[in-house]
Amino acid sequence: MDAPVSKARHFIRNLPDTSATWSGKRTQKTFLVTRQFEKKLKLNTLQDGLLGTEFRIWNFRSSVDPQGLTILQSTTTQNWHLRQLTFNYRNPDSLISETNFTFKVTPADSLQLDKFWHLNSQSDLKNGDQFGCLDGNIIFVELADWNRYRFSWYNCPFINRDRDSIFQEVNELIHSINEFSDRSK
């Protein structure tokens, strides 16, 4: 377990709007749910940073299990580790499935993971409250490295992909990670 490293240096937390708007409230609720799942799945927190780089992509399906989590971690300057977990919402500490593999940095670069550092969260969009849906999925992305932590939230990105380019970018990034994972199995 990596010790929190943020206290030793200047650390940037990029947190989206969690105000009284609809999307702000949903972002805050999803953030709290992921903290609960983080504990039940025995994952280290990313909020204080870590020695490498880690991307977590939580895929919450509103009324259908299983839920999904994809974790991409840099293990060295040359290697990355991909871990995909599926679990039930009511019992997340009982994993349904888990996939693990390590790969070289070149394929990781093709995934364009750095884009996640710069994408606005839905709750930061001026019209973020307009992108809702019933019974869809929520994508919650967490990123951390030595200097920074960021999270962002997207409601029904597949349904909203033609309504704002942010959703299209999220869909493309998730699709490329899933394709890469399928090819590597």
Protein backbone atom coordinates (compact mmCIF):
# COMPACT_ATOMS: atom_id res chain seq x y z
CA MET A 1 0.00 0.00 0.00
CA ASP A 2 1.44 3.35 -1.03
CA ALA A 3 1.54 5.98 1.68
CA PRO A 4 -0.25 9.23 0.88
CA VAL A 5 2.27 11.32 -0.97
CA SER A 6 0.37 14.59 -1.34
CA LYS A 7 1.56 16.07 1.94
CA ALA A 8 5.19 16.08 0.80
CA ARG A 9 4.67 18.50 -2.12
CA HIS A 10 2.31 20.79 -3.97
CA PHE A 11 -0.68 18.64 -4.91
CA ILE A 12 -3.57 19.58 -7.22
CA ARG A 13 -7.06 18.20 -6.77
CA ASN A 14 -9.33 18.87 -9.72
CA LEU A 15 -12.86 18.33 -8.48
CA PRO A 16 -15.97 19.01 -10.55
CA ASP A 17 -18.99 20.98 -9.47
CA THR A 18 -20.93 19.25 -6.68
CA SER A 19 -23.30 22.15 -6.05
CA ALA A 20 -27.08 22.18 -5.83
CA THR A 21 -27.55 21.60 -9.57
CA TRP A 22 -28.96 18.25 -10.64
CA SER A 23 -25.68 17.10 -12.23
CA GLY A 24 -23.69 18.47 -9.28
CA LYS A 25 -25.78 16.45 -6.82
CA ARG A 26 -25.44 13.33 -8.98
CA THR A 27 -21.66 13.82 -9.15
CA GLN A 28 -21.46 14.10 -5.37
CA LYS A 29 -23.66 11.03 -4.86
CA THR A 30 -21.57 8.96 -7.28
CA PHE A 31 -18.37 10.14 -5.60
CA LEU A 32 -19.65 8.93 -2.21
CA VAL A 33 -20.79 5.58 -3.66
CA THR A 34 -17.36 4.98 -5.18
CA ARG A 35 -15.73 5.63 -1.79
CA GLN A 36 -17.92 2.88 -0.32
CA PHE A 37 -17.07 0.48 -3.16
CA GLU A 38 -13.39 1.41 -2.87
CA LYS A 39 -13.41 0.20 0.75
CA LYS A 40 -15.41 -2.95 0.05
CA LEU A 41 -13.18 -3.87 -2.90
CA LYS A 42 -10.10 -3.15 -0.73
CA LEU A 43 -8.67 -0.55 -3.11
CA ASN A 44 -6.26 2.17 -2.06
CA THR A 45 -7.62 5.69 -2.21
CA LEU A 46 -6.37 7.89 -5.02
CA GLN A 47 -7.32 11.20 -3.41
CA ASP A 48 -3.88 11.86 -1.92
CA GLY A 49 -1.97 10.72 -4.98
CA LEU A 50 0.32 7.77 -5.46
CA LEU A 51 3.82 7.03 -6.65
CA GLY A 52 2.78 5.88 -10.15
CA THR A 53 -0.23 6.78 -12.27
CA GLU A 54 -3.66 5.20 -11.99
CA PHE A 55 -6.89 5.55 -13.96
CA ARG A 56 -10.15 4.12 -12.62
CA ILE A 57 -13.22 3.98 -14.80
CA TRP A 58 -16.32 3.05 -12.84
CA ASN A 59 -19.28 1.94 -14.95
CA PHE A 60 -22.49 1.96 -12.92
CA ARG A 61 -25.59 0.50 -14.54
CA SER A 62 -28.59 1.94 -12.79
CA SER A 63 -30.82 -1.10 -12.46
CA VAL A 64 -28.81 -4.01 -13.84
CA ASP A 65 -25.90 -5.88 -12.31
CA PRO A 66 -23.04 -6.45 -12.72
CA GLN A 67 -21.28 -3.15 -12.17
CA GLY A 68 -17.85 -2.62 -13.68
CA LEU A 69 -14.52 -1.11 -12.76
CA THR A 70 -11.48 -0.84 -15.01
CA ILE A 71 -8.17 0.08 -13.38
CA LEU A 72 -5.08 1.02 -15.39
CA GLN A 73 -1.89 1.41 -13.34
CA SER A 74 1.63 2.25 -14.37
CA THR A 75 3.86 -0.37 -12.77
CA THR A 76 7.15 1.03 -14.12
CA THR A 77 8.04 3.60 -16.74
CA GLN A 78 7.67 0.86 -19.37
CA ASN A 79 4.80 -1.31 -18.09
CA TRP A 80 1.13 -0.87 -17.32
CA HIS A 81 -1.28 -3.19 -15.53
CA LEU A 82 -4.93 -3.48 -16.51
CA ARG A 83 -7.43 -4.90 -14.05
CA GLN A 84 -11.13 -5.26 -14.78
CA LEU A 85 -13.59 -6.11 -12.02
CA THR A 86 -17.27 -6.92 -12.16
CA PHE A 87 -19.33 -6.96 -8.99
CA ASN A 88 -22.91 -6.66 -7.78
CA TYR A 89 -24.10 -3.33 -6.47
CA ARG A 90 -25.45 -4.75 -3.21
CA ASN A 91 -22.46 -7.02 -2.57
CA PRO A 92 -19.36 -5.43 -4.17
CA ASP A 93 -16.84 -7.32 -2.05
CA SER A 94 -17.92 -10.58 -3.73
CA LEU A 95 -16.35 -10.25 -7.14
CA ILE A 96 -18.12 -11.86 -10.08
CA SER A 97 -15.05 -11.74 -12.29
CA GLU A 98 -11.59 -10.26 -12.43
CA THR A 99 -9.20 -9.90 -15.38
CA ASN A 100 -5.55 -8.92 -14.94
CA PHE A 101 -2.70 -8.44 -17.38
CA THR A 102 0.41 -6.31 -17.87
CA PHE A 103 1.42 -4.60 -21.10
CA LYS A 104 4.14 -2.31 -22.47
CA VAL A 105 3.78 1.46 -22.60
CA THR A 106 3.48 1.67 -26.41
CA PRO A 107 -0.04 0.15 -26.48
CA ALA A 108 -0.95 2.33 -23.51
CA ASP A 109 0.00 5.41 -25.50
CA SER A 110 -2.39 4.28 -28.24
CA LEU A 111 -5.19 4.35 -25.65
CA GLN A 112 -4.69 8.13 -25.26
CA LEU A 113 -5.29 8.00 -21.52
CA ASP A 114 -3.93 11.51 -21.04
CA LYS A 115 -7.15 12.84 -22.59
CA PHE A 116 -8.95 12.01 -19.35
CA TRP A 117 -6.87 14.64 -17.52
CA HIS A 118 -8.36 17.37 -19.70
CA LEU A 119 -11.98 16.39 -20.27
CA ASN A 120 -14.58 18.50 -18.50
CA SER A 121 -16.90 16.68 -16.17
CA GLN A 122 -20.59 16.77 -17.11
CA SER A 123 -21.32 18.78 -13.97
CA ASP A 124 -18.85 21.45 -15.16
CA LEU A 125 -20.69 21.97 -18.45
CA LYS A 126 -22.91 25.07 -18.60
CA ASN A 127 -25.81 22.89 -19.72
CA GLY A 128 -24.78 19.73 -17.83
CA ASP A 129 -28.23 19.32 -16.29
CA GLN A 130 -29.73 18.81 -19.76
CA PHE A 131 -27.98 15.47 -20.32
CA GLY A 132 -30.03 13.00 -18.39
CA CYS A 133 -31.67 9.68 -19.14
CA LEU A 134 -33.75 7.08 -17.40
CA ASP A 135 -32.25 3.76 -16.49
CA GLY A 136 -28.89 4.33 -18.17
CA ASN A 137 -25.33 4.12 -16.98
CA ILE A 138 -23.02 6.52 -15.22
CA ILE A 139 -19.31 6.66 -15.98
CA PHE A 140 -17.18 7.97 -13.16
CA VAL A 141 -13.49 8.48 -13.90
CA GLU A 142 -10.76 8.91 -11.28
CA LEU A 143 -7.14 9.69 -12.09
CA ALA A 144 -4.15 10.16 -9.85
CA ASP A 145 -0.40 10.45 -10.00
CA TRP A 146 2.31 12.00 -7.85
CA ASN A 147 1.11 15.59 -8.38
CA ARG A 148 -2.62 15.48 -8.92
CA TYR A 149 -6.00 13.84 -8.46
CA ARG A 150 -9.02 14.34 -10.67
CA PHE A 151 -12.49 12.88 -10.99
CA SER A 152 -15.21 13.42 -13.53
CA TRP A 153 -18.76 12.20 -13.99
CA TYR A 154 -20.82 11.42 -17.13
CA ASN A 155 -24.47 10.40 -17.20
CA CYS A 156 -25.49 8.07 -20.05
CA PRO A 157 -22.54 8.90 -22.32
CA PHE A 158 -23.73 6.48 -25.02
CA ILE A 159 -27.19 8.07 -25.17
CA ASN A 160 -25.79 11.62 -25.05
CA ARG A 161 -22.89 11.06 -27.47
CA ASP A 162 -24.53 13.09 -30.26
CA ARG A 163 -25.61 15.92 -27.97
CA ASP A 164 -22.16 17.06 -26.78
CA SER A 165 -18.65 16.17 -27.90
CA ILE A 166 -17.54 15.46 -24.30
CA PHE A 167 -19.76 12.34 -24.27
CA GLN A 168 -18.42 11.23 -27.65
CA GLU A 169 -14.84 11.50 -26.34
CA VAL A 170 -15.68 9.52 -23.20
CA ASN A 171 -17.31 6.81 -25.34
CA GLU A 172 -14.28 6.65 -27.65
CA LEU A 173 -11.82 6.35 -24.75
CA ILE A 174 -13.83 3.62 -23.05
CA HIS A 175 -14.30 1.80 -26.34
CA SER A 176 -10.55 1.85 -27.04
CA ILE A 177 -9.78 0.49 -23.56
CA ASN A 178 -12.37 -2.28 -23.96
CA GLU A 179 -11.08 -3.19 -27.42
CA PHE A 180 -7.51 -3.28 -26.13
CA SER A 181 -8.58 -5.47 -23.22
CA ASP A 182 -10.46 -7.89 -25.50
CA ARG A 183 -7.45 -8.23 -27.83
CA SER A 184 -5.11 -8.88 -24.91
CA LYS A 185 -7.12 -11.72 -23.36
